[in-house]
């Protein structure tokens, strides 16, 4: 038997090779790379944003009351729409912001617009960098009725141009011509899309 390979040895060797091949295939399959694609939201949203963020400003550690009140004074100085002294204490403060934002849950489209617009204006004020940069361009053509703002380039309007157009819709003349509910809704939808970084 010396130097001869028995049938049993041959079968065992063949079985071993088949097992090793099967293990190699199994290992290759098990170690395949899997690619998962998707979108995640990180803490970046905490630097500003929607009405909900600003309504809950004190549950975040982003901005102090005095910072926000400084921004409200700045918004008040440059906006016909915002920020009135709603609580009658002769100050533009957090209470006024909260009343406007709470009003956005109200029944009128004007109240809803004012809440979203205030969030937009606050997002432009945040420091050290504004969440919404006044010089960045936005395509508002995805918003139904965007033509109402009358922008020359609605597909690449800067945020400053959008805000100027909204301010231009403040009632003037005698008697003042208020926007309709539909027009308030258009401005609300544009501000909401800006706040959510959708446009």
N, C-alpha and C. Protein backbone atom coordinates (compact mmCIF):
# COMPACT_ATOMS: atom_id res chain seq x y z
N UNK A 1 0.79 -1.17 0.00
CA UNK A 1 0.00 0.00 0.00
C UNK A 1 0.85 1.26 0.00
N UNK A 2 2.10 1.08 0.15
CA UNK A 2 2.98 2.22 0.18
C UNK A 2 2.96 2.92 -1.16
N UNK A 3 2.75 4.28 -1.11
CA UNK A 3 2.75 5.05 -2.33
C UNK A 3 1.44 5.01 -3.06
N UNK A 4 0.46 4.31 -2.56
CA UNK A 4 -0.84 4.25 -3.21
C UNK A 4 -1.82 5.10 -2.42
N UNK A 5 -2.71 5.72 -3.14
CA UNK A 5 -3.74 6.55 -2.55
C UNK A 5 -5.02 5.75 -2.58
N UNK A 6 -5.55 5.43 -1.43
CA UNK A 6 -6.73 4.57 -1.40
C UNK A 6 -7.97 5.33 -1.86
N UNK A 7 -9.00 4.59 -2.21
CA UNK A 7 -10.26 5.19 -2.63
C UNK A 7 -10.84 6.03 -1.50
N UNK A 8 -10.72 5.52 -0.28
CA UNK A 8 -11.25 6.23 0.87
C UNK A 8 -10.49 7.56 1.06
N UNK A 9 -9.20 7.55 0.89
CA UNK A 9 -8.40 8.77 1.01
C UNK A 9 -8.77 9.77 -0.07
N UNK A 10 -8.99 9.26 -1.28
CA UNK A 10 -9.38 10.12 -2.39
C UNK A 10 -10.72 10.79 -2.11
N UNK A 11 -11.68 10.00 -1.61
CA UNK A 11 -13.01 10.52 -1.31
C UNK A 11 -12.92 11.54 -0.18
N UNK A 12 -12.13 11.25 0.84
CA UNK A 12 -11.96 12.19 1.96
C UNK A 12 -11.33 13.49 1.49
N UNK A 13 -10.33 13.38 0.62
CA UNK A 13 -9.66 14.57 0.08
C UNK A 13 -10.63 15.39 -0.75
N UNK A 14 -11.42 14.74 -1.58
CA UNK A 14 -12.41 15.41 -2.42
C UNK A 14 -13.48 16.09 -1.55
N UNK A 15 -13.94 15.40 -0.51
CA UNK A 15 -14.93 15.97 0.40
C UNK A 15 -14.36 17.20 1.11
N UNK A 16 -13.08 17.13 1.50
CA UNK A 16 -12.44 18.26 2.15
C UNK A 16 -12.35 19.46 1.21
N UNK A 17 -11.99 19.23 -0.05
CA UNK A 17 -11.92 20.31 -1.03
C UNK A 17 -13.29 20.94 -1.26
N UNK A 18 -14.33 20.11 -1.33
CA UNK A 18 -15.68 20.63 -1.53
C UNK A 18 -16.09 21.47 -0.32
N UNK A 19 -15.78 20.98 0.88
CA UNK A 19 -16.10 21.74 2.10
C UNK A 19 -15.38 23.07 2.13
N UNK A 20 -14.07 23.08 1.79
CA UNK A 20 -13.30 24.32 1.77
C UNK A 20 -13.85 25.30 0.74
N UNK A 21 -14.23 24.76 -0.43
CA UNK A 21 -14.80 25.62 -1.46
C UNK A 21 -16.12 26.23 -0.97
N UNK A 22 -16.95 25.42 -0.33
CA UNK A 22 -18.22 25.90 0.21
C UNK A 22 -18.00 26.96 1.28
N UNK A 23 -16.99 26.74 2.13
CA UNK A 23 -16.69 27.75 3.16
C UNK A 23 -16.22 29.05 2.53
N UNK A 24 -15.42 28.96 1.47
CA UNK A 24 -14.94 30.16 0.77
C UNK A 24 -16.09 30.95 0.17
N UNK A 25 -17.03 30.24 -0.48
CA UNK A 25 -18.19 30.91 -1.06
C UNK A 25 -19.02 31.56 0.04
N UNK A 26 -19.24 30.81 1.13
CA UNK A 26 -20.02 31.34 2.25
C UNK A 26 -19.37 32.57 2.86
N UNK A 27 -18.05 32.50 3.05
CA UNK A 27 -17.35 33.64 3.61
C UNK A 27 -17.43 34.85 2.69
N UNK A 28 -17.23 34.62 1.38
CA UNK A 28 -17.29 35.72 0.41
C UNK A 28 -18.68 36.37 0.43
N UNK A 29 -19.70 35.54 0.51
CA UNK A 29 -21.06 36.07 0.53
C UNK A 29 -21.34 36.82 1.83
N UNK A 30 -20.86 36.26 2.93
CA UNK A 30 -21.08 36.86 4.24
C UNK A 30 -20.36 38.19 4.39
N UNK A 31 -19.21 38.34 3.74
CA UNK A 31 -18.42 39.56 3.90
C UNK A 31 -18.66 40.57 2.79
N UNK A 32 -19.72 40.39 1.99
CA UNK A 32 -20.05 41.38 0.96
C UNK A 32 -20.25 42.75 1.58
N UNK A 33 -19.94 43.77 0.83
CA UNK A 33 -20.16 45.14 1.28
C UNK A 33 -21.61 45.52 1.00
N UNK A 34 -22.25 46.09 1.99
CA UNK A 34 -23.62 46.56 1.84
C UNK A 34 -23.59 48.08 1.88
N UNK A 35 -24.18 48.72 0.89
CA UNK A 35 -24.24 50.18 0.83
C UNK A 35 -25.66 50.62 1.15
N UNK A 36 -25.78 51.50 2.12
CA UNK A 36 -27.08 52.03 2.50
C UNK A 36 -27.08 53.51 2.18
N UNK A 37 -28.07 53.92 1.40
CA UNK A 37 -28.18 55.33 1.06
C UNK A 37 -29.39 55.92 1.74
N UNK A 38 -29.27 57.16 2.16
CA UNK A 38 -30.40 57.82 2.82
C UNK A 38 -29.98 59.18 3.32
N UNK A 39 -30.88 59.83 4.00
CA UNK A 39 -30.63 61.15 4.54
C UNK A 39 -30.77 61.09 6.05
N UNK A 40 -29.81 61.68 6.73
CA UNK A 40 -29.92 61.76 8.19
C UNK A 40 -29.94 63.23 8.58
N UNK A 41 -30.57 63.50 9.68
CA UNK A 41 -30.61 64.86 10.21
C UNK A 41 -29.73 64.89 11.44
N UNK A 42 -28.78 65.81 11.44
CA UNK A 42 -27.86 65.91 12.56
C UNK A 42 -28.24 67.08 13.45
N UNK A 43 -27.42 67.34 14.43
CA UNK A 43 -27.67 68.43 15.36
C UNK A 43 -27.63 69.80 14.73
N UNK A 44 -27.28 69.88 13.45
CA UNK A 44 -27.20 71.18 12.80
C UNK A 44 -28.52 71.93 12.86
N UNK A 45 -29.63 71.19 12.88
CA UNK A 45 -30.95 71.82 12.96
C UNK A 45 -31.10 72.63 14.24
N UNK A 46 -30.33 72.31 15.26
CA UNK A 46 -30.47 73.00 16.52
C UNK A 46 -30.02 74.45 16.47
N UNK A 47 -29.40 74.88 15.39
CA UNK A 47 -28.92 76.26 15.35
C UNK A 47 -30.01 77.22 14.91
N UNK A 48 -31.19 76.77 14.73
CA UNK A 48 -32.27 77.66 14.35
C UNK A 48 -33.29 76.90 13.56
N UNK A 49 -34.27 77.56 13.05
CA UNK A 49 -35.18 76.84 12.18
C UNK A 49 -36.62 77.24 12.22
N UNK A 50 -37.43 76.28 12.52
CA UNK A 50 -38.87 76.40 12.37
C UNK A 50 -39.51 77.14 13.54
N UNK A 51 -40.81 77.35 13.40
CA UNK A 51 -41.58 77.95 14.49
C UNK A 51 -41.40 77.14 15.77
N UNK A 52 -41.43 75.82 15.65
CA UNK A 52 -41.28 74.96 16.82
C UNK A 52 -39.98 75.20 17.56
N UNK A 53 -38.89 75.40 16.81
CA UNK A 53 -37.61 75.69 17.45
C UNK A 53 -37.69 76.98 18.24
N UNK A 54 -38.19 78.03 17.62
CA UNK A 54 -38.21 79.34 18.28
C UNK A 54 -39.22 79.38 19.42
N UNK A 55 -40.32 78.63 19.32
CA UNK A 55 -41.27 78.57 20.43
C UNK A 55 -40.64 77.90 21.65
N UNK A 56 -39.72 76.97 21.41
CA UNK A 56 -39.06 76.24 22.49
C UNK A 56 -37.62 76.71 22.69
N UNK A 57 -37.38 77.97 22.46
CA UNK A 57 -36.02 78.52 22.51
C UNK A 57 -35.33 78.22 23.84
N UNK A 58 -36.10 78.21 24.94
CA UNK A 58 -35.47 78.03 26.26
C UNK A 58 -35.17 76.57 26.60
N UNK A 59 -35.58 75.64 25.73
CA UNK A 59 -35.22 74.24 25.99
C UNK A 59 -33.96 73.85 25.21
N UNK A 60 -33.41 74.80 24.46
CA UNK A 60 -32.16 74.59 23.73
C UNK A 60 -31.07 75.41 24.41
N UNK A 61 -29.84 75.07 24.15
CA UNK A 61 -28.73 75.84 24.71
C UNK A 61 -28.07 76.70 23.65
N UNK A 62 -28.82 77.03 22.60
CA UNK A 62 -28.22 77.74 21.48
C UNK A 62 -28.07 79.24 21.72
N UNK A 63 -29.16 79.88 22.15
CA UNK A 63 -29.17 81.34 22.24
C UNK A 63 -29.75 81.78 23.58
N UNK A 64 -29.23 82.90 24.06
CA UNK A 64 -29.72 83.44 25.33
C UNK A 64 -30.92 84.35 25.07
N UNK A 65 -31.64 84.64 26.14
CA UNK A 65 -32.79 85.54 26.04
C UNK A 65 -32.35 86.91 25.54
N UNK A 66 -31.23 87.42 26.05
CA UNK A 66 -30.79 88.75 25.62
C UNK A 66 -30.37 88.76 24.15
N UNK A 67 -29.77 87.66 23.65
CA UNK A 67 -29.44 87.59 22.22
C UNK A 67 -30.71 87.67 21.38
N UNK A 68 -31.69 86.85 21.73
CA UNK A 68 -32.94 86.81 20.96
C UNK A 68 -33.65 88.15 21.02
N UNK A 69 -33.68 88.76 22.19
CA UNK A 69 -34.35 90.05 22.30
C UNK A 69 -33.64 91.13 21.49
N UNK A 70 -32.31 91.04 21.39
CA UNK A 70 -31.58 91.95 20.52
C UNK A 70 -31.96 91.76 19.06
N UNK A 71 -32.12 90.51 18.65
CA UNK A 71 -32.52 90.23 17.27
C UNK A 71 -33.94 90.70 17.01
N UNK A 72 -34.82 90.55 18.01
CA UNK A 72 -36.21 91.01 17.85
C UNK A 72 -36.25 92.52 17.65
N UNK A 73 -35.43 93.25 18.39
CA UNK A 73 -35.36 94.71 18.24
C UNK A 73 -34.87 95.05 16.83
N UNK A 74 -33.87 94.30 16.35
CA UNK A 74 -33.35 94.52 15.00
C UNK A 74 -34.41 94.24 13.94
N UNK A 75 -35.15 93.15 14.11
CA UNK A 75 -36.23 92.82 13.17
C UNK A 75 -37.30 93.91 13.21
N UNK A 76 -37.66 94.36 14.40
CA UNK A 76 -38.68 95.40 14.56
C UNK A 76 -38.28 96.69 13.83
N UNK A 77 -36.98 97.00 13.87
CA UNK A 77 -36.49 98.23 13.25
C UNK A 77 -36.51 98.17 11.72
N UNK A 78 -36.54 96.95 11.15
CA UNK A 78 -36.43 96.82 9.69
C UNK A 78 -37.65 96.16 9.06
N UNK A 79 -38.71 95.97 9.83
CA UNK A 79 -39.90 95.30 9.29
C UNK A 79 -41.17 96.07 9.62
N UNK A 80 -42.00 96.25 8.61
CA UNK A 80 -43.32 96.84 8.85
C UNK A 80 -44.26 95.80 9.47
N UNK A 81 -44.04 94.52 9.13
CA UNK A 81 -44.90 93.44 9.62
C UNK A 81 -44.61 93.08 11.07
N UNK A 82 -43.36 93.15 11.47
CA UNK A 82 -42.90 92.62 12.76
C UNK A 82 -42.11 93.68 13.50
N UNK A 83 -41.94 93.66 14.75
CA UNK A 83 -42.49 92.88 15.83
C UNK A 83 -43.24 93.88 16.70
N UNK A 84 -44.56 93.86 16.74
CA UNK A 84 -45.28 94.83 17.58
C UNK A 84 -45.17 94.48 19.05
N UNK A 85 -45.35 95.49 19.89
CA UNK A 85 -45.38 95.26 21.33
C UNK A 85 -46.77 94.71 21.66
N UNK A 86 -46.87 93.39 21.66
CA UNK A 86 -48.18 92.75 21.81
C UNK A 86 -48.63 92.60 23.26
N UNK A 87 -47.69 92.71 24.20
CA UNK A 87 -48.08 92.53 25.60
C UNK A 87 -48.18 93.85 26.35
N UNK A 88 -47.98 94.97 25.64
CA UNK A 88 -48.22 96.29 26.21
C UNK A 88 -47.24 96.75 27.27
N UNK A 89 -46.03 96.17 27.28
CA UNK A 89 -45.05 96.59 28.30
C UNK A 89 -44.00 97.55 27.75
N UNK A 90 -44.22 98.06 26.53
CA UNK A 90 -43.31 99.02 25.88
C UNK A 90 -41.94 98.44 25.55
N UNK A 91 -41.82 97.10 25.52
CA UNK A 91 -40.58 96.45 25.15
C UNK A 91 -40.85 95.44 24.05
N UNK A 92 -39.87 95.27 23.16
CA UNK A 92 -39.91 94.19 22.18
C UNK A 92 -39.10 93.07 22.81
N UNK A 93 -39.78 92.01 23.25
CA UNK A 93 -39.10 90.99 24.02
C UNK A 93 -39.61 89.60 23.69
N UNK A 94 -39.11 88.63 24.44
CA UNK A 94 -39.45 87.22 24.24
C UNK A 94 -40.96 87.00 24.28
N UNK A 95 -41.65 87.69 25.18
CA UNK A 95 -43.10 87.51 25.29
C UNK A 95 -43.80 87.85 23.98
N UNK A 96 -43.34 88.92 23.31
CA UNK A 96 -43.92 89.30 22.02
C UNK A 96 -43.66 88.21 20.98
N UNK A 97 -42.43 87.68 20.96
CA UNK A 97 -42.10 86.60 20.04
C UNK A 97 -43.01 85.40 20.27
N UNK A 98 -43.14 85.02 21.54
CA UNK A 98 -43.96 83.85 21.86
C UNK A 98 -45.42 84.06 21.48
N UNK A 99 -45.95 85.28 21.66
CA UNK A 99 -47.33 85.57 21.27
C UNK A 99 -47.52 85.45 19.76
N UNK A 100 -46.56 85.94 18.99
CA UNK A 100 -46.65 85.85 17.52
C UNK A 100 -46.57 84.40 17.08
N UNK A 101 -45.63 83.66 17.66
CA UNK A 101 -45.47 82.26 17.27
C UNK A 101 -46.68 81.42 17.70
N UNK A 102 -47.23 81.73 18.86
CA UNK A 102 -48.44 81.03 19.30
C UNK A 102 -49.61 81.38 18.38
N UNK A 103 -49.64 82.61 17.91
CA UNK A 103 -50.69 83.04 17.00
C UNK A 103 -50.66 82.30 15.67
N UNK A 104 -49.48 81.76 15.33
CA UNK A 104 -49.35 81.01 14.07
C UNK A 104 -50.21 79.76 14.07
N UNK A 105 -50.67 79.35 15.25
CA UNK A 105 -51.59 78.22 15.34
C UNK A 105 -53.04 78.70 15.23
N UNK A 106 -53.21 80.01 15.09
CA UNK A 106 -54.54 80.62 15.09
C UNK A 106 -55.34 80.33 13.84
N UNK A 107 -56.47 80.99 13.77
CA UNK A 107 -57.42 80.68 12.71
C UNK A 107 -57.20 81.49 11.43
N UNK A 108 -56.50 82.62 11.53
CA UNK A 108 -56.35 83.44 10.32
C UNK A 108 -55.04 83.12 9.61
N UNK A 109 -55.07 83.27 8.30
CA UNK A 109 -53.87 83.03 7.51
C UNK A 109 -52.82 84.10 7.78
N UNK A 110 -53.26 85.31 8.12
CA UNK A 110 -52.30 86.36 8.47
C UNK A 110 -51.49 85.97 9.70
N UNK A 111 -52.14 85.43 10.73
CA UNK A 111 -51.43 84.99 11.93
C UNK A 111 -50.43 83.89 11.60
N UNK A 112 -50.83 82.97 10.75
CA UNK A 112 -49.92 81.88 10.35
C UNK A 112 -48.72 82.43 9.60
N UNK A 113 -48.98 83.35 8.67
CA UNK A 113 -47.88 83.98 7.94
C UNK A 113 -46.92 84.69 8.88
N UNK A 114 -47.45 85.49 9.82
CA UNK A 114 -46.59 86.27 10.71
C UNK A 114 -45.68 85.37 11.55
N UNK A 115 -46.19 84.23 11.99
CA UNK A 115 -45.36 83.30 12.76
C UNK A 115 -44.20 82.75 11.93
N UNK A 116 -44.49 82.31 10.71
CA UNK A 116 -43.44 81.76 9.84
C UNK A 116 -42.46 82.84 9.41
N UNK A 117 -42.98 84.03 9.15
CA UNK A 117 -42.11 85.14 8.73
C UNK A 117 -41.18 85.55 9.87
N UNK A 118 -41.69 85.56 11.10
CA UNK A 118 -40.82 85.89 12.24
C UNK A 118 -39.71 84.85 12.37
N UNK A 119 -40.04 83.58 12.20
CA UNK A 119 -39.00 82.54 12.26
C UNK A 119 -37.95 82.77 11.17
N UNK A 120 -38.39 83.14 9.97
CA UNK A 120 -37.45 83.43 8.88
C UNK A 120 -36.53 84.58 9.25
N UNK A 121 -37.11 85.66 9.77
CA UNK A 121 -36.30 86.82 10.11
C UNK A 121 -35.33 86.51 11.26
N UNK A 122 -35.75 85.72 12.23
CA UNK A 122 -34.83 85.32 13.31
C UNK A 122 -33.70 84.44 12.77
N UNK A 123 -34.03 83.57 11.81
CA UNK A 123 -33.00 82.71 11.21
C UNK A 123 -31.95 83.53 10.46
N UNK A 124 -32.33 84.72 10.02
CA UNK A 124 -31.38 85.61 9.34
C UNK A 124 -30.49 86.35 10.34
N UNK A 125 -30.91 86.40 11.60
CA UNK A 125 -30.19 87.18 12.62
C UNK A 125 -29.19 86.35 13.42
N UNK A 126 -29.35 85.02 13.45
CA UNK A 126 -28.54 84.20 14.35
C UNK A 126 -27.05 84.42 14.14
N UNK A 127 -26.31 84.32 15.22
CA UNK A 127 -24.87 84.53 15.21
C UNK A 127 -24.17 83.32 15.82
N UNK A 128 -22.92 83.04 15.47
CA UNK A 128 -22.04 83.86 14.63
C UNK A 128 -22.38 83.79 13.15
N UNK A 129 -23.07 82.74 12.68
CA UNK A 129 -23.48 82.67 11.29
C UNK A 129 -24.99 82.56 11.22
N UNK A 130 -25.61 83.31 10.31
CA UNK A 130 -27.06 83.16 10.18
C UNK A 130 -27.41 81.80 9.58
N UNK A 131 -28.46 81.20 10.10
CA UNK A 131 -28.93 79.93 9.54
C UNK A 131 -29.40 80.16 8.11
N UNK A 132 -30.06 81.28 7.88
CA UNK A 132 -30.46 81.67 6.53
C UNK A 132 -29.67 82.91 6.15
N UNK A 133 -28.72 82.73 5.25
CA UNK A 133 -27.85 83.83 4.85
C UNK A 133 -28.61 84.76 3.89
N UNK A 134 -28.66 86.06 4.18
CA UNK A 134 -29.39 87.00 3.32
C UNK A 134 -28.92 87.02 1.87
N UNK A 135 -27.66 86.63 1.62
CA UNK A 135 -27.12 86.67 0.26
C UNK A 135 -27.32 85.37 -0.52
N UNK A 136 -27.76 84.30 0.15
CA UNK A 136 -27.96 83.04 -0.55
C UNK A 136 -29.18 83.12 -1.46
N UNK A 137 -29.08 82.41 -2.59
CA UNK A 137 -30.17 82.40 -3.56
C UNK A 137 -31.11 81.23 -3.29
N UNK A 138 -32.39 81.45 -3.59
CA UNK A 138 -33.42 80.43 -3.38
C UNK A 138 -34.35 80.39 -4.59
N UNK A 139 -34.78 79.20 -4.92
CA UNK A 139 -35.73 79.00 -6.01
C UNK A 139 -37.12 78.86 -5.40
N UNK A 140 -37.94 79.91 -5.52
CA UNK A 140 -39.27 79.86 -4.92
C UNK A 140 -40.33 79.39 -5.92
N UNK A 141 -39.90 79.00 -7.12
CA UNK A 141 -40.87 78.63 -8.15
C UNK A 141 -41.60 77.32 -7.85
N UNK A 142 -41.14 76.59 -6.83
CA UNK A 142 -41.84 75.37 -6.45
C UNK A 142 -43.05 75.66 -5.56
N UNK A 143 -43.16 76.91 -5.10
CA UNK A 143 -44.27 77.31 -4.23
C UNK A 143 -45.41 77.83 -5.09
N UNK A 144 -46.57 77.22 -4.95
CA UNK A 144 -47.73 77.63 -5.73
C UNK A 144 -48.07 79.09 -5.44
N UNK A 145 -48.20 79.89 -6.51
CA UNK A 145 -48.55 81.30 -6.38
C UNK A 145 -47.36 82.22 -6.15
N UNK A 146 -46.13 81.69 -6.33
CA UNK A 146 -44.92 82.48 -6.06
C UNK A 146 -44.90 83.81 -6.82
N UNK A 147 -45.64 83.87 -7.94
CA UNK A 147 -45.65 85.09 -8.77
C UNK A 147 -46.14 86.31 -7.98
N UNK A 148 -46.91 86.07 -6.93
CA UNK A 148 -47.46 87.17 -6.13
C UNK A 148 -46.38 88.12 -5.63
N UNK A 149 -45.19 87.59 -5.30
CA UNK A 149 -44.14 88.45 -4.78
C UNK A 149 -43.55 89.37 -5.85
N UNK A 150 -43.74 89.02 -7.12
CA UNK A 150 -43.27 89.89 -8.20
C UNK A 150 -41.76 89.98 -8.32
N UNK A 151 -41.05 88.93 -7.98
CA UNK A 151 -39.58 88.94 -8.07
C UNK A 151 -39.12 88.83 -9.52
N UNK A 152 -38.08 89.56 -9.86
CA UNK A 152 -37.56 89.53 -11.23
C UNK A 152 -37.00 88.16 -11.58
N UNK A 153 -36.30 87.52 -10.64
CA UNK A 153 -35.70 86.21 -10.86
C UNK A 153 -36.12 85.24 -9.75
N UNK A 154 -37.35 84.75 -9.79
CA UNK A 154 -37.83 83.91 -8.69
C UNK A 154 -37.10 82.58 -8.55
N UNK A 155 -36.39 82.14 -9.58
CA UNK A 155 -35.66 80.88 -9.47
C UNK A 155 -34.28 81.07 -8.86
N UNK A 156 -33.85 82.30 -8.68
CA UNK A 156 -32.54 82.55 -8.07
C UNK A 156 -32.55 83.85 -7.28
N UNK A 157 -33.62 84.08 -6.53
CA UNK A 157 -33.73 85.31 -5.73
C UNK A 157 -32.95 85.16 -4.44
N UNK A 158 -32.27 86.21 -4.05
CA UNK A 158 -31.58 86.17 -2.75
C UNK A 158 -32.62 86.29 -1.65
N UNK A 159 -32.25 85.84 -0.47
CA UNK A 159 -33.17 85.94 0.66
C UNK A 159 -33.50 87.40 0.94
N UNK A 160 -32.53 88.29 0.78
CA UNK A 160 -32.78 89.72 0.97
C UNK A 160 -33.85 90.22 0.00
N UNK A 161 -33.81 89.75 -1.25
CA UNK A 161 -34.82 90.15 -2.23
C UNK A 161 -36.20 89.60 -1.86
N UNK A 162 -36.24 88.37 -1.37
CA UNK A 162 -37.51 87.76 -0.97
C UNK A 162 -38.11 88.55 0.19
N UNK A 163 -37.28 88.88 1.19
CA UNK A 163 -37.75 89.64 2.35
C UNK A 163 -38.22 91.03 1.91
N UNK A 164 -37.48 91.68 1.02
CA UNK A 164 -37.90 93.00 0.54
C UNK A 164 -39.25 92.92 -0.18
N UNK A 165 -39.46 91.84 -0.95
CA UNK A 165 -40.74 91.67 -1.63
C UNK A 165 -41.87 91.45 -0.63
N UNK A 166 -41.61 90.69 0.42
CA UNK A 166 -42.63 90.48 1.45
C UNK A 166 -42.93 91.78 2.17
N UNK A 167 -41.90 92.54 2.49
CA UNK A 167 -42.12 93.84 3.13
C UNK A 167 -42.90 94.78 2.22
N UNK A 168 -42.69 94.64 0.90
CA UNK A 168 -43.41 95.47 -0.06
C UNK A 168 -44.90 95.16 -0.13
N UNK A 169 -45.31 94.05 0.46
CA UNK A 169 -46.73 93.67 0.47
C UNK A 169 -47.45 94.21 1.71
N UNK A 170 -46.71 94.94 2.56
CA UNK A 170 -47.37 95.52 3.73
C UNK A 170 -48.40 96.54 3.25
N UNK A 171 -49.61 96.53 3.83
CA UNK A 171 -50.67 97.41 3.36
C UNK A 171 -50.28 98.89 3.40
N UNK A 172 -50.54 99.56 2.31
CA UNK A 172 -50.28 101.00 2.25
C UNK A 172 -51.38 101.63 1.41
N UNK A 173 -51.35 102.93 1.31
CA UNK A 173 -52.37 103.63 0.55
C UNK A 173 -53.58 103.94 1.42
N UNK A 174 -54.56 104.55 0.80
CA UNK A 174 -55.75 104.92 1.53
C UNK A 174 -56.98 104.52 0.74
N UNK A 175 -57.75 103.57 1.19
CA UNK A 175 -57.51 102.76 2.38
C UNK A 175 -56.43 101.72 2.10
N UNK A 176 -55.75 101.25 3.15
CA UNK A 176 -54.69 100.25 2.93
C UNK A 176 -55.25 98.96 2.34
N UNK A 177 -54.54 98.40 1.37
CA UNK A 177 -54.97 97.18 0.69
C UNK A 177 -54.32 95.96 1.34
N UNK A 178 -55.07 95.29 2.20
CA UNK A 178 -54.58 94.08 2.88
C UNK A 178 -54.41 92.94 1.89
N UNK A 179 -53.37 92.11 2.05
CA UNK A 179 -53.31 90.89 1.25
C UNK A 179 -54.52 90.00 1.55
N UNK A 180 -54.91 89.22 0.57
CA UNK A 180 -56.00 88.26 0.77
C UNK A 180 -55.48 87.07 1.56
N UNK A 181 -56.38 86.21 2.02
CA UNK A 181 -55.96 84.99 2.71
C UNK A 181 -55.04 84.16 1.82
N UNK A 182 -55.37 84.08 0.54
CA UNK A 182 -54.55 83.30 -0.40
C UNK A 182 -53.15 83.90 -0.50
N UNK A 183 -53.05 85.22 -0.54
CA UNK A 183 -51.75 85.87 -0.64
C UNK A 183 -50.94 85.70 0.66
N UNK A 184 -51.62 85.78 1.81
CA UNK A 184 -50.92 85.48 3.06
C UNK A 184 -50.41 84.04 3.06
N UNK A 185 -51.21 83.14 2.52
CA UNK A 185 -50.81 81.73 2.48
C UNK A 185 -49.57 81.53 1.61
N UNK A 186 -49.51 82.23 0.48
CA UNK A 186 -48.34 82.13 -0.40
C UNK A 186 -47.08 82.57 0.36
N UNK A 187 -47.17 83.72 1.04
CA UNK A 187 -46.00 84.21 1.78
C UNK A 187 -45.65 83.26 2.93
N UNK A 188 -46.66 82.72 3.60
CA UNK A 188 -46.42 81.75 4.68
C UNK A 188 -45.69 80.52 4.14
N UNK A 189 -46.16 79.99 2.99
CA UNK A 189 -45.55 78.79 2.42
C UNK A 189 -44.10 79.03 2.01
N UNK A 190 -43.82 80.21 1.49
CA UNK A 190 -42.44 80.53 1.11
C UNK A 190 -41.55 80.57 2.35
N UNK A 191 -42.02 81.24 3.41
CA UNK A 191 -41.24 81.33 4.65
C UNK A 191 -41.05 79.96 5.29
N UNK A 192 -42.11 79.15 5.28
CA UNK A 192 -42.03 77.82 5.86
C UNK A 192 -40.99 76.97 5.11
N UNK A 193 -40.99 77.04 3.78
CA UNK A 193 -40.02 76.29 2.98
C UNK A 193 -38.60 76.79 3.25
N UNK A 194 -38.43 78.08 3.42
CA UNK A 194 -37.10 78.62 3.74
C UNK A 194 -36.64 78.11 5.11
N UNK A 195 -37.52 78.16 6.10
CA UNK A 195 -37.17 77.74 7.45
C UNK A 195 -36.80 76.28 7.53
N UNK A 196 -37.43 75.47 6.70
CA UNK A 196 -37.15 74.02 6.66
C UNK A 196 -36.04 73.68 5.67
N UNK A 197 -35.39 74.69 5.10
CA UNK A 197 -34.30 74.50 4.14
C UNK A 197 -34.75 73.66 2.95
N UNK A 198 -35.98 73.85 2.50
CA UNK A 198 -36.52 73.08 1.37
C UNK A 198 -36.29 73.81 0.04
N UNK A 199 -36.05 75.10 0.09
CA UNK A 199 -35.80 75.86 -1.14
C UNK A 199 -34.56 76.72 -0.97
